[in-house]
Every structure is written in structure tokens, then in C-alpha cells.
């Protein structure tokens, strides 16, 4: 996102430029659940939100906090609480192993990874964490397990091939398709 103008709304610009982005889609799905008659990206406060979502809507926008003006003297009085964020769990799939939801947490499981031809970083990026036995890994989202890796294997491809309905894999694919479509100008720029 570039070419910012005073008064630009980050969420509206994100929605306009990257309508296929999984984050944008999730925000739109909140709006489609009938929680608000206004856009989920609108800076105004929706009046029909449930109490837990209401605290999120009341949080000041980045503009109100002074992010775009360069003035950081006023910070939110009532920041988004953990409880309010947890109440949005209906937007994401149930996780098989929530403690492995971050890439960093998954990466830390590979301290005794036996294979040299398959990078722990690639496995963690594919949503996989090491189970500590042989070369067996599992997905933190769907719980699918993979093992008996070969040198030509690609972590994302194997995850997708064996567990095509995994929400994590579906998000990776959706994000990759969005990247391929929406960043044509960047690809063209690199080719120059």
C-alpha cells in the first residue's frame, strides 16, 4: 500500500486494493453476519454490536491515535482486550493445537530435527511442527501428520496434497493467489 493521502482509511484502502486478502474477507464476513449495518471498515461506531465486539468498535482508529499525523501524544484509553479478541473466535477454525499457532512456536519444536534437506523454517511456514520422533510433523490447525520425507518434497505442497481441506492450507493458497494477482506491478517492476 502506497501513495497515502491525508484522511486515507487504512482498512478501506486495504479492502479496495486487496479484496481477496483473507484478513479482508474475514472482516467482510463479520459485516455479513449482520453485526453492523455499516462496513466493518467504517471508522464510525456500529450501534448493534454485541457487548464483546462493542469494545473493539469503540477503540480509536489509527488516525485518532495520531499514527498518521505523527503525533503519538494520545493513545487509546480502552485498548482492545484479550477477552474481546477471543470472542471473535467464531471467525477462525478450531485449532488442533492452539499452542502452535505462531510460526515461532512451531519453529522452536525443531531443535532436534534429523533431516538436513528439509528446512524447519519451511515446515513451520507450512503450519507444521515437529513431534520429536523420526521425521514426523503435525499441522497445528487440522492435526494432520506427515512423515517419511524425501529430498524433493516441499512442505506446503505435501501438506496441501495430503490435507487439502485444512483451513491453514486453504488460507495459504488464497493468500498466494491474491499475491499473484494483486502484485503484478511489483513483478513488472522487478523485471525492469
N, C-alpha and C. Protein backbone atom coordinates (compact mmCIF):
# COMPACT_ATOMS: atom_id res chain seq x y z
N UNK A 1 0.85 -1.17 0.00
CA UNK A 1 0.00 0.00 0.00
C UNK A 1 0.89 1.23 0.00
N UNK A 2 0.66 2.09 -0.96
CA UNK A 2 1.47 3.30 -1.03
C UNK A 2 0.60 4.47 -1.49
N UNK A 3 1.23 5.59 -1.77
CA UNK A 3 0.54 6.81 -2.20
C UNK A 3 -0.52 7.25 -1.20
N UNK A 4 -0.15 7.28 0.07
CA UNK A 4 -1.08 7.67 1.13
C UNK A 4 -1.38 9.16 1.04
N UNK A 5 -2.62 9.50 1.28
CA UNK A 5 -3.08 10.88 1.32
C UNK A 5 -3.65 11.15 2.71
N UNK A 6 -3.59 12.40 3.18
CA UNK A 6 -4.22 12.72 4.47
C UNK A 6 -5.69 12.31 4.44
N UNK A 7 -6.13 11.67 5.50
CA UNK A 7 -7.52 11.25 5.60
C UNK A 7 -7.79 9.86 5.06
N UNK A 8 -6.78 9.21 4.44
CA UNK A 8 -6.97 7.84 3.95
C UNK A 8 -7.27 6.91 5.11
N UNK A 9 -8.17 5.98 4.89
CA UNK A 9 -8.52 4.97 5.88
C UNK A 9 -7.79 3.69 5.51
N UNK A 10 -6.91 3.21 6.38
CA UNK A 10 -6.08 2.04 6.08
C UNK A 10 -6.92 0.82 5.73
N UNK A 11 -7.98 0.59 6.49
CA UNK A 11 -8.81 -0.58 6.24
C UNK A 11 -9.56 -0.48 4.92
N UNK A 12 -10.10 0.69 4.61
CA UNK A 12 -10.81 0.88 3.34
C UNK A 12 -9.86 0.69 2.16
N UNK A 13 -8.64 1.22 2.29
CA UNK A 13 -7.66 1.10 1.22
C UNK A 13 -7.25 -0.36 1.04
N UNK A 14 -7.05 -1.06 2.15
CA UNK A 14 -6.71 -2.48 2.12
C UNK A 14 -7.81 -3.25 1.40
N UNK A 15 -9.06 -2.98 1.77
CA UNK A 15 -10.21 -3.66 1.16
C UNK A 15 -10.27 -3.37 -0.34
N UNK A 16 -10.04 -2.12 -0.73
CA UNK A 16 -10.13 -1.72 -2.13
C UNK A 16 -9.02 -2.36 -2.98
N UNK A 17 -7.79 -2.37 -2.47
CA UNK A 17 -6.67 -2.86 -3.25
C UNK A 17 -6.49 -4.37 -3.20
N UNK A 18 -6.92 -5.00 -2.10
CA UNK A 18 -6.71 -6.44 -1.93
C UNK A 18 -8.00 -7.12 -1.46
N UNK A 19 -9.05 -7.10 -2.29
CA UNK A 19 -10.33 -7.67 -1.87
C UNK A 19 -10.27 -9.17 -1.59
N UNK A 20 -9.29 -9.88 -2.13
CA UNK A 20 -9.18 -11.32 -1.91
C UNK A 20 -8.37 -11.68 -0.67
N UNK A 21 -7.77 -10.71 -0.02
CA UNK A 21 -6.95 -10.95 1.17
C UNK A 21 -7.80 -11.64 2.24
N UNK A 22 -7.24 -12.67 2.87
CA UNK A 22 -8.00 -13.42 3.88
C UNK A 22 -8.42 -12.53 5.05
N UNK A 23 -7.60 -11.57 5.43
CA UNK A 23 -7.96 -10.65 6.51
C UNK A 23 -9.17 -9.82 6.11
N UNK A 24 -9.15 -9.30 4.89
CA UNK A 24 -10.27 -8.51 4.38
C UNK A 24 -11.53 -9.37 4.33
N UNK A 25 -11.40 -10.59 3.84
CA UNK A 25 -12.56 -11.48 3.75
C UNK A 25 -13.15 -11.75 5.13
N UNK A 26 -12.29 -11.95 6.14
CA UNK A 26 -12.79 -12.19 7.50
C UNK A 26 -13.55 -10.96 8.01
N UNK A 27 -13.00 -9.77 7.75
CA UNK A 27 -13.66 -8.55 8.20
C UNK A 27 -15.01 -8.39 7.50
N UNK A 28 -15.07 -8.72 6.22
CA UNK A 28 -16.33 -8.63 5.49
C UNK A 28 -17.32 -9.66 6.01
N UNK A 29 -16.82 -10.83 6.42
CA UNK A 29 -17.74 -11.86 6.94
C UNK A 29 -18.35 -11.41 8.26
N UNK A 30 -17.61 -10.65 9.06
CA UNK A 30 -18.18 -10.10 10.29
C UNK A 30 -19.36 -9.22 9.93
N UNK A 31 -19.18 -8.38 8.92
CA UNK A 31 -20.24 -7.50 8.47
C UNK A 31 -21.42 -8.30 7.93
N UNK A 32 -21.16 -9.38 7.23
CA UNK A 32 -22.22 -10.19 6.65
C UNK A 32 -23.01 -10.97 7.68
N UNK A 33 -22.48 -11.14 8.88
CA UNK A 33 -23.21 -11.83 9.94
C UNK A 33 -24.31 -10.94 10.50
N UNK A 34 -24.40 -9.70 10.00
CA UNK A 34 -25.45 -8.80 10.45
C UNK A 34 -25.11 -8.10 11.75
N UNK A 35 -23.83 -8.05 12.08
CA UNK A 35 -23.43 -7.40 13.32
C UNK A 35 -23.51 -5.89 13.20
N UNK A 36 -23.50 -5.40 11.99
CA UNK A 36 -23.50 -3.96 11.79
C UNK A 36 -24.16 -3.63 10.47
N UNK A 37 -24.81 -2.49 10.40
CA UNK A 37 -25.39 -2.05 9.14
C UNK A 37 -24.37 -1.25 8.34
N UNK A 38 -23.23 -0.97 8.94
CA UNK A 38 -22.17 -0.22 8.28
C UNK A 38 -21.04 -1.17 7.91
N UNK A 39 -20.15 -0.72 7.06
CA UNK A 39 -19.00 -1.52 6.69
C UNK A 39 -18.16 -1.84 7.91
N UNK A 40 -17.57 -3.04 7.92
CA UNK A 40 -16.68 -3.42 9.02
C UNK A 40 -15.46 -2.52 9.03
N UNK A 41 -15.22 -1.80 7.93
CA UNK A 41 -14.06 -0.94 7.82
C UNK A 41 -14.39 0.51 8.14
N UNK A 42 -15.63 0.79 8.39
CA UNK A 42 -16.05 2.16 8.66
C UNK A 42 -15.49 2.64 9.98
N UNK A 43 -14.98 3.87 10.04
CA UNK A 43 -14.44 4.36 11.31
C UNK A 43 -15.53 4.68 12.32
N UNK A 44 -16.78 4.81 11.88
CA UNK A 44 -17.84 5.12 12.84
C UNK A 44 -18.21 3.89 13.65
N UNK A 45 -18.79 4.11 14.80
CA UNK A 45 -19.12 3.03 15.71
C UNK A 45 -20.47 2.44 15.33
N UNK A 46 -20.53 1.12 15.22
CA UNK A 46 -21.79 0.44 14.93
C UNK A 46 -22.58 0.34 16.23
N UNK A 47 -23.89 0.50 16.14
CA UNK A 47 -24.68 0.51 17.36
C UNK A 47 -25.26 -0.84 17.72
N UNK A 48 -25.25 -1.79 16.79
CA UNK A 48 -25.91 -3.06 17.08
C UNK A 48 -24.94 -4.18 17.41
N UNK A 49 -23.74 -3.85 17.84
CA UNK A 49 -22.75 -4.87 18.16
C UNK A 49 -23.03 -5.51 19.51
N UNK A 50 -22.60 -6.76 19.63
CA UNK A 50 -22.70 -7.42 20.93
C UNK A 50 -21.72 -6.75 21.88
N UNK A 51 -21.89 -6.89 23.21
CA UNK A 51 -21.00 -6.21 24.16
C UNK A 51 -19.53 -6.50 23.94
N UNK A 52 -19.17 -7.74 23.62
CA UNK A 52 -17.75 -8.06 23.47
C UNK A 52 -17.17 -7.43 22.21
N UNK A 53 -17.97 -7.34 21.15
CA UNK A 53 -17.49 -6.71 19.92
C UNK A 53 -17.55 -5.19 20.04
N UNK A 54 -18.43 -4.69 20.89
CA UNK A 54 -18.60 -3.26 21.07
C UNK A 54 -17.30 -2.61 21.51
N UNK A 55 -16.54 -3.27 22.39
CA UNK A 55 -15.30 -2.67 22.88
C UNK A 55 -14.28 -2.53 21.76
N UNK A 56 -14.34 -3.40 20.76
CA UNK A 56 -13.43 -3.28 19.63
C UNK A 56 -13.82 -2.07 18.79
N UNK A 57 -15.11 -1.92 18.53
CA UNK A 57 -15.57 -0.81 17.71
C UNK A 57 -15.29 0.53 18.38
N UNK A 58 -15.26 0.57 19.71
CA UNK A 58 -15.02 1.81 20.42
C UNK A 58 -13.55 2.20 20.46
N UNK A 59 -12.67 1.28 20.10
CA UNK A 59 -11.25 1.60 20.11
C UNK A 59 -10.98 2.66 19.06
N UNK A 60 -10.15 3.64 19.36
CA UNK A 60 -9.88 4.71 18.41
C UNK A 60 -9.17 4.17 17.17
N UNK A 61 -9.42 4.84 16.05
CA UNK A 61 -8.73 4.47 14.83
C UNK A 61 -7.28 4.93 14.91
N UNK A 62 -6.48 4.47 13.95
CA UNK A 62 -5.07 4.88 13.93
C UNK A 62 -4.96 6.39 13.76
N UNK A 63 -5.90 6.97 12.98
CA UNK A 63 -5.87 8.41 12.78
C UNK A 63 -6.13 9.14 14.11
N UNK A 64 -7.10 8.62 14.91
CA UNK A 64 -7.42 9.25 16.18
C UNK A 64 -6.25 9.15 17.15
N UNK A 65 -5.50 8.07 17.09
CA UNK A 65 -4.36 7.88 17.98
C UNK A 65 -3.21 8.79 17.56
N UNK A 66 -3.19 9.21 16.31
CA UNK A 66 -2.14 10.10 15.84
C UNK A 66 -1.10 9.38 15.02
N UNK A 67 -1.39 8.17 14.59
CA UNK A 67 -0.41 7.39 13.84
C UNK A 67 -0.02 8.07 12.55
N UNK A 68 -1.01 8.57 11.79
CA UNK A 68 -0.71 9.16 10.50
C UNK A 68 -0.26 10.61 10.62
N UNK A 69 -0.66 11.28 11.68
CA UNK A 69 -0.27 12.68 11.83
C UNK A 69 1.12 12.82 12.42
N UNK A 70 1.65 11.74 12.98
CA UNK A 70 2.96 11.79 13.61
C UNK A 70 2.88 12.18 15.07
N UNK A 71 1.68 12.49 15.56
CA UNK A 71 1.50 12.87 16.96
C UNK A 71 1.08 11.66 17.76
N UNK A 72 1.95 11.18 18.61
CA UNK A 72 1.66 10.00 19.40
C UNK A 72 1.32 10.36 20.84
N UNK A 73 0.85 11.59 21.06
CA UNK A 73 0.59 12.02 22.43
C UNK A 73 -0.70 11.44 23.01
N UNK A 74 -1.62 11.01 22.14
CA UNK A 74 -2.86 10.44 22.68
C UNK A 74 -2.99 8.98 22.25
N UNK A 75 -2.96 8.10 23.21
CA UNK A 75 -3.11 6.68 22.94
C UNK A 75 -4.48 6.23 23.40
N UNK A 76 -4.95 5.08 22.90
CA UNK A 76 -6.28 4.61 23.28
C UNK A 76 -6.43 4.49 24.78
N UNK A 77 -7.53 4.99 25.31
CA UNK A 77 -7.82 4.86 26.74
C UNK A 77 -8.28 3.45 27.06
N UNK A 78 -8.97 2.82 26.12
CA UNK A 78 -9.53 1.49 26.34
C UNK A 78 -9.09 0.57 25.21
N UNK A 79 -7.85 0.07 25.24
CA UNK A 79 -7.36 -0.76 24.15
C UNK A 79 -8.18 -2.04 24.03
N UNK A 80 -8.08 -2.67 22.86
CA UNK A 80 -8.78 -3.93 22.64
C UNK A 80 -8.30 -4.94 23.67
N UNK A 81 -9.22 -5.56 24.34
CA UNK A 81 -8.86 -6.51 25.38
C UNK A 81 -8.72 -7.90 24.81
N UNK A 82 -7.97 -8.73 25.50
CA UNK A 82 -7.81 -10.12 25.08
C UNK A 82 -9.16 -10.80 25.01
N UNK A 83 -10.02 -10.54 25.99
CA UNK A 83 -11.33 -11.17 26.03
C UNK A 83 -12.13 -10.84 24.78
N UNK A 84 -12.09 -9.58 24.35
CA UNK A 84 -12.85 -9.18 23.17
C UNK A 84 -12.32 -9.89 21.94
N UNK A 85 -11.02 -10.03 21.82
CA UNK A 85 -10.44 -10.72 20.68
C UNK A 85 -10.82 -12.19 20.71
N UNK A 86 -10.78 -12.81 21.88
CA UNK A 86 -11.15 -14.21 22.00
C UNK A 86 -12.60 -14.43 21.58
N UNK A 87 -13.46 -13.45 21.81
CA UNK A 87 -14.86 -13.58 21.44
C UNK A 87 -15.05 -13.62 19.92
N UNK A 88 -14.03 -13.26 19.16
CA UNK A 88 -14.10 -13.34 17.71
C UNK A 88 -13.65 -14.70 17.19
N UNK A 89 -13.51 -15.68 18.06
CA UNK A 89 -13.00 -16.99 17.67
C UNK A 89 -13.87 -17.68 16.63
N UNK A 90 -15.15 -17.28 16.51
CA UNK A 90 -16.01 -17.89 15.51
C UNK A 90 -15.55 -17.58 14.09
N UNK A 91 -14.66 -16.58 13.94
CA UNK A 91 -14.15 -16.23 12.62
C UNK A 91 -13.06 -17.17 12.15
N UNK A 92 -12.40 -17.86 13.05
CA UNK A 92 -11.31 -18.74 12.66
C UNK A 92 -11.66 -20.18 13.01
N UNK A 93 -11.04 -21.12 12.31
CA UNK A 93 -11.35 -22.52 12.56
C UNK A 93 -10.85 -22.96 13.93
N UNK A 94 -11.41 -24.04 14.43
CA UNK A 94 -10.91 -24.63 15.67
C UNK A 94 -9.51 -25.17 15.37
N UNK A 95 -8.59 -24.91 16.27
CA UNK A 95 -7.21 -25.34 16.07
C UNK A 95 -6.97 -26.65 16.79
N UNK A 96 -6.28 -27.56 16.11
CA UNK A 96 -5.93 -28.84 16.73
C UNK A 96 -4.97 -28.63 17.89
N UNK A 97 -4.00 -27.72 17.69
CA UNK A 97 -3.02 -27.44 18.74
C UNK A 97 -2.80 -25.92 18.81
N UNK A 98 -3.64 -25.20 19.55
CA UNK A 98 -3.55 -23.74 19.61
C UNK A 98 -2.20 -23.22 20.09
N UNK A 99 -1.47 -23.99 20.88
CA UNK A 99 -0.17 -23.52 21.38
C UNK A 99 0.85 -23.40 20.25
N UNK A 100 0.56 -23.98 19.10
CA UNK A 100 1.47 -23.92 17.95
C UNK A 100 0.98 -22.94 16.88
N UNK A 101 0.10 -22.01 17.26
CA UNK A 101 -0.49 -21.11 16.27
C UNK A 101 0.52 -20.14 15.67
N UNK A 102 1.62 -19.84 16.37
CA UNK A 102 2.61 -18.91 15.80
C UNK A 102 3.73 -19.69 15.13
N UNK A 103 4.25 -19.08 14.09
CA UNK A 103 5.36 -19.71 13.37
C UNK A 103 6.56 -19.91 14.30
N UNK A 104 6.80 -18.95 15.17
CA UNK A 104 7.92 -19.04 16.10
C UNK A 104 7.77 -20.24 17.04
N UNK A 105 6.57 -20.45 17.56
CA UNK A 105 6.32 -21.60 18.45
C UNK A 105 6.58 -22.91 17.71
N UNK A 106 6.14 -22.98 16.46
CA UNK A 106 6.36 -24.20 15.67
C UNK A 106 7.85 -24.40 15.40
N UNK A 107 8.53 -23.33 15.07
CA UNK A 107 9.96 -23.40 14.76
C UNK A 107 10.77 -23.92 15.95
N UNK A 108 10.39 -23.53 17.15
CA UNK A 108 11.11 -23.97 18.36
C UNK A 108 11.02 -25.48 18.60
N UNK A 109 10.06 -26.15 17.97
CA UNK A 109 9.94 -27.60 18.17
C UNK A 109 10.98 -28.38 17.38
N UNK A 110 11.67 -27.74 16.46
CA UNK A 110 12.60 -28.43 15.56
C UNK A 110 14.04 -28.48 16.09
N UNK A 111 14.26 -28.29 17.38
CA UNK A 111 15.63 -28.26 17.92
C UNK A 111 16.38 -29.56 17.66
N UNK A 112 15.70 -30.70 17.55
CA UNK A 112 16.39 -31.97 17.28
C UNK A 112 15.95 -32.58 15.94
N UNK A 113 15.56 -31.74 15.01
CA UNK A 113 15.10 -32.19 13.68
C UNK A 113 16.22 -32.94 12.98
N UNK A 114 15.97 -34.18 12.53
CA UNK A 114 17.04 -35.02 12.00
C UNK A 114 17.41 -34.79 10.53
N UNK A 115 16.55 -34.15 9.75
CA UNK A 115 16.81 -34.03 8.32
C UNK A 115 17.52 -32.73 7.97
N UNK A 116 18.47 -32.82 7.04
CA UNK A 116 19.19 -31.62 6.61
C UNK A 116 18.63 -31.06 5.30
N UNK A 117 17.92 -31.88 4.54
CA UNK A 117 17.43 -31.43 3.24
C UNK A 117 16.08 -30.72 3.29
N UNK A 118 15.45 -30.70 4.46
CA UNK A 118 14.16 -30.03 4.60
C UNK A 118 14.24 -29.04 5.76
N UNK A 119 14.08 -27.79 5.44
CA UNK A 119 14.26 -26.71 6.40
C UNK A 119 13.14 -26.63 7.43
N UNK A 120 13.50 -26.56 8.72
CA UNK A 120 12.49 -26.33 9.75
C UNK A 120 11.67 -25.05 9.50
N UNK A 121 12.32 -24.04 8.94
CA UNK A 121 11.61 -22.80 8.63
C UNK A 121 10.51 -23.04 7.61
N UNK A 122 10.81 -23.81 6.56
CA UNK A 122 9.80 -24.13 5.55
C UNK A 122 8.65 -24.93 6.15
N UNK A 123 8.98 -25.86 7.02
CA UNK A 123 7.95 -26.67 7.67
C UNK A 123 7.06 -25.80 8.57
N UNK A 124 7.68 -24.93 9.35
CA UNK A 124 6.92 -24.05 10.24
C UNK A 124 6.02 -23.11 9.45
N UNK A 125 6.54 -22.58 8.33
CA UNK A 125 5.74 -21.70 7.48
C UNK A 125 4.55 -22.44 6.88
N UNK A 126 4.69 -23.75 6.71
CA UNK A 126 3.61 -24.58 6.17
C UNK A 126 2.61 -24.99 7.25
N UNK A 127 2.77 -24.46 8.47
CA UNK A 127 1.84 -24.75 9.55
C UNK A 127 2.18 -26.00 10.33
N UNK A 128 3.38 -26.52 10.13
CA UNK A 128 3.77 -27.80 10.73
C UNK A 128 4.74 -27.61 11.90
N UNK A 129 4.65 -28.50 12.86
CA UNK A 129 5.57 -28.52 13.99
C UNK A 129 6.07 -29.94 14.18
N UNK A 130 7.26 -30.06 14.75
CA UNK A 130 7.92 -31.36 14.93
C UNK A 130 7.38 -32.08 16.15
N UNK A 131 7.08 -33.37 15.98
CA UNK A 131 6.55 -34.18 17.07
C UNK A 131 7.64 -34.86 17.90
N UNK A 132 8.90 -34.74 17.46
CA UNK A 132 10.02 -35.25 18.25
C UNK A 132 10.41 -36.69 17.95
N UNK A 133 9.72 -37.34 17.03
CA UNK A 133 10.02 -38.72 16.68
C UNK A 133 10.31 -38.82 15.19
N UNK A 134 11.45 -39.45 14.85
CA UNK A 134 11.85 -39.63 13.45
C UNK A 134 11.71 -38.30 12.71
N UNK A 135 10.96 -38.28 11.59
CA UNK A 135 10.76 -37.03 10.86
C UNK A 135 9.27 -36.67 10.81
N UNK A 136 8.56 -37.00 11.88
CA UNK A 136 7.10 -36.80 11.94
C UNK A 136 6.75 -35.39 12.40
N UNK A 137 5.89 -34.76 11.59
CA UNK A 137 5.39 -33.42 11.90
C UNK A 137 3.86 -33.44 11.88
N UNK A 138 3.27 -32.43 12.49
CA UNK A 138 1.81 -32.31 12.50
C UNK A 138 1.41 -30.86 12.24
N UNK A 139 0.22 -30.69 11.71
CA UNK A 139 -0.33 -29.36 11.47
C UNK A 139 -1.05 -28.87 12.72
N UNK A 140 -0.77 -27.65 13.10
CA UNK A 140 -1.41 -27.10 14.30
C UNK A 140 -2.89 -26.84 14.09
N UNK A 141 -3.33 -26.71 12.84
CA UNK A 141 -4.74 -26.42 12.56
C UNK A 141 -5.57 -27.68 12.40
N UNK A 142 -5.20 -28.54 11.43
CA UNK A 142 -6.02 -29.72 11.14
C UNK A 142 -5.58 -30.96 11.90
N UNK A 143 -4.36 -30.95 12.43
CA UNK A 143 -3.85 -32.11 13.17
C UNK A 143 -3.27 -33.19 12.27
N UNK A 144 -3.31 -32.98 10.96
CA UNK A 144 -2.75 -33.96 10.03
C UNK A 144 -1.27 -34.17 10.27
N UNK A 145 -0.83 -35.43 10.15
CA UNK A 145 0.58 -35.76 10.38
C UNK A 145 1.24 -36.22 9.09
N UNK A 146 2.50 -35.83 8.93
CA UNK A 146 3.29 -36.20 7.77
C UNK A 146 4.64 -36.73 8.24
N UNK A 147 5.15 -37.73 7.53
CA UNK A 147 6.48 -38.28 7.84
C UNK A 147 7.05 -38.95 6.59
N UNK A 148 8.23 -39.54 6.73
CA UNK A 148 8.93 -40.19 5.61
C UNK A 148 9.21 -39.20 4.48
N UNK A 149 9.76 -38.05 4.84
CA UNK A 149 10.07 -37.01 3.88
C UNK A 149 11.19 -37.45 2.95
N UNK A 150 11.13 -36.98 1.71
CA UNK A 150 12.17 -37.26 0.72
C UNK A 150 12.77 -35.93 0.27
N UNK A 151 14.01 -35.98 -0.26
CA UNK A 151 14.70 -34.74 -0.63
C UNK A 151 13.93 -33.81 -1.57
N UNK A 152 13.11 -34.33 -2.43
CA UNK A 152 12.38 -33.49 -3.39
C UNK A 152 11.09 -32.90 -2.81
N UNK A 153 10.71 -33.28 -1.62
CA UNK A 153 9.44 -32.85 -1.03
C UNK A 153 9.43 -31.36 -0.69
N UNK A 154 8.27 -30.76 -0.87
CA UNK A 154 8.02 -29.37 -0.49
C UNK A 154 6.96 -29.39 0.60
N UNK A 155 7.23 -28.73 1.71
CA UNK A 155 6.35 -28.80 2.88
C UNK A 155 4.92 -28.35 2.58
N UNK A 156 4.77 -27.22 1.92
CA UNK A 156 3.42 -26.72 1.62
C UNK A 156 2.71 -27.66 0.65
N UNK A 157 3.42 -28.11 -0.39
CA UNK A 157 2.80 -29.00 -1.38
C UNK A 157 2.34 -30.31 -0.76
N UNK A 158 3.17 -30.88 0.10
CA UNK A 158 2.80 -32.15 0.74
C UNK A 158 1.64 -31.94 1.71
N UNK A 159 1.66 -30.86 2.44
CA UNK A 159 0.56 -30.55 3.36
C UNK A 159 -0.75 -30.42 2.56
N UNK A 160 -0.68 -29.68 1.47
CA UNK A 160 -1.87 -29.48 0.62
C UNK A 160 -2.32 -30.79 -0.02
N UNK A 161 -1.38 -31.61 -0.47
CA UNK A 161 -1.72 -32.87 -1.15
C UNK A 161 -2.42 -33.85 -0.20
N UNK A 162 -1.92 -33.97 1.02
CA UNK A 162 -2.48 -34.93 1.96
C UNK A 162 -3.68 -34.40 2.75
N UNK A 163 -3.74 -33.08 2.93
CA UNK A 163 -4.82 -32.47 3.72
C UNK A 163 -5.39 -31.25 2.99
N UNK A 164 -6.00 -31.46 1.83
CA UNK A 164 -6.47 -30.33 1.01
C UNK A 164 -7.55 -29.47 1.67
N UNK A 165 -8.26 -30.01 2.64
CA UNK A 165 -9.32 -29.25 3.30
C UNK A 165 -8.87 -28.55 4.58
N UNK A 166 -7.58 -28.60 4.86
CA UNK A 166 -7.05 -27.93 6.04
C UNK A 166 -7.23 -26.42 5.88
N UNK A 167 -7.85 -25.75 6.85
CA UNK A 167 -8.05 -24.30 6.74
C UNK A 167 -6.75 -23.52 6.60
N UNK A 168 -5.67 -23.99 7.23
CA UNK A 168 -4.39 -23.29 7.11
C UNK A 168 -3.90 -23.34 5.67
N UNK A 169 -3.98 -24.52 5.05
CA UNK A 169 -3.57 -24.69 3.66
C UNK A 169 -4.46 -23.85 2.74
N UNK A 170 -5.76 -23.88 3.00
CA UNK A 170 -6.68 -23.08 2.18
C UNK A 170 -6.32 -21.59 2.25
N UNK A 171 -5.96 -21.10 3.43
CA UNK A 171 -5.54 -19.70 3.58
C UNK A 171 -4.25 -19.43 2.82
N UNK A 172 -3.29 -20.36 2.90
CA UNK A 172 -2.03 -20.19 2.17
C UNK A 172 -2.30 -20.07 0.68
N UNK A 173 -3.16 -20.93 0.17
CA UNK A 173 -3.47 -20.93 -1.26
C UNK A 173 -4.18 -19.63 -1.64
N UNK A 174 -5.16 -19.22 -0.83
CA UNK A 174 -5.91 -17.99 -1.10
C UNK A 174 -4.97 -16.79 -1.08
N UNK A 175 -4.08 -16.73 -0.09
CA UNK A 175 -3.13 -15.61 0.00
C UNK A 175 -2.17 -15.62 -1.17
N UNK A 176 -1.74 -16.80 -1.59
CA UNK A 176 -0.81 -16.90 -2.72
C UNK A 176 -1.50 -16.45 -4.00
N UNK A 177 -2.75 -16.84 -4.20
CA UNK A 177 -3.50 -16.41 -5.38
C UNK A 177 -3.68 -14.90 -5.37
N UNK A 178 -3.99 -14.35 -4.20
CA UNK A 178 -4.15 -12.91 -4.07
C UNK A 178 -2.84 -12.21 -4.40
N UNK A 179 -1.73 -12.74 -3.91
CA UNK A 179 -0.42 -12.16 -4.17
C UNK A 179 -0.13 -12.19 -5.67
N UNK A 180 -0.38 -13.33 -6.30
CA UNK A 180 -0.10 -13.46 -7.72
C UNK A 180 -0.90 -12.48 -8.56
N UNK A 181 -2.14 -12.22 -8.17
CA UNK A 181 -3.00 -11.33 -8.93
C UNK A 181 -2.72 -9.87 -8.60
N UNK A 182 -2.59 -9.55 -7.33
CA UNK A 182 -2.55 -8.15 -6.93
C UNK A 182 -1.18 -7.50 -6.99
N UNK A 183 -0.14 -8.25 -7.18
CA UNK A 183 1.20 -7.66 -7.19
C UNK A 183 1.85 -7.70 -8.57
N UNK A 184 1.02 -7.64 -9.60
CA UNK A 184 1.54 -7.67 -10.96
C UNK A 184 2.50 -6.50 -11.20
N UNK A 185 2.17 -5.32 -10.70
CA UNK A 185 3.03 -4.16 -10.91
C UNK A 185 4.38 -4.34 -10.24
N UNK A 186 4.41 -4.99 -9.06
CA UNK A 186 5.68 -5.23 -8.39
C UNK A 186 6.52 -6.23 -9.19
N UNK A 187 5.88 -7.25 -9.74
CA UNK A 187 6.60 -8.24 -10.53
C UNK A 187 7.16 -7.58 -11.79
N UNK A 188 6.37 -6.70 -12.39
CA UNK A 188 6.82 -5.98 -13.58
C UNK A 188 7.99 -5.08 -13.24
N UNK A 189 7.90 -4.41 -12.08
CA UNK A 189 8.96 -3.51 -11.65
C UNK A 189 10.27 -4.27 -11.44
N UNK A 190 10.21 -5.46 -10.86
CA UNK A 190 11.42 -6.26 -10.63
C UNK A 190 12.05 -6.71 -11.94
N UNK A 191 11.22 -6.92 -12.95
CA UNK A 191 11.72 -7.41 -14.23
C UNK A 191 12.46 -6.32 -15.00
N UNK A 192 12.26 -5.05 -14.62
CA UNK A 192 12.90 -3.94 -15.35
C UNK A 192 14.38 -3.90 -15.13
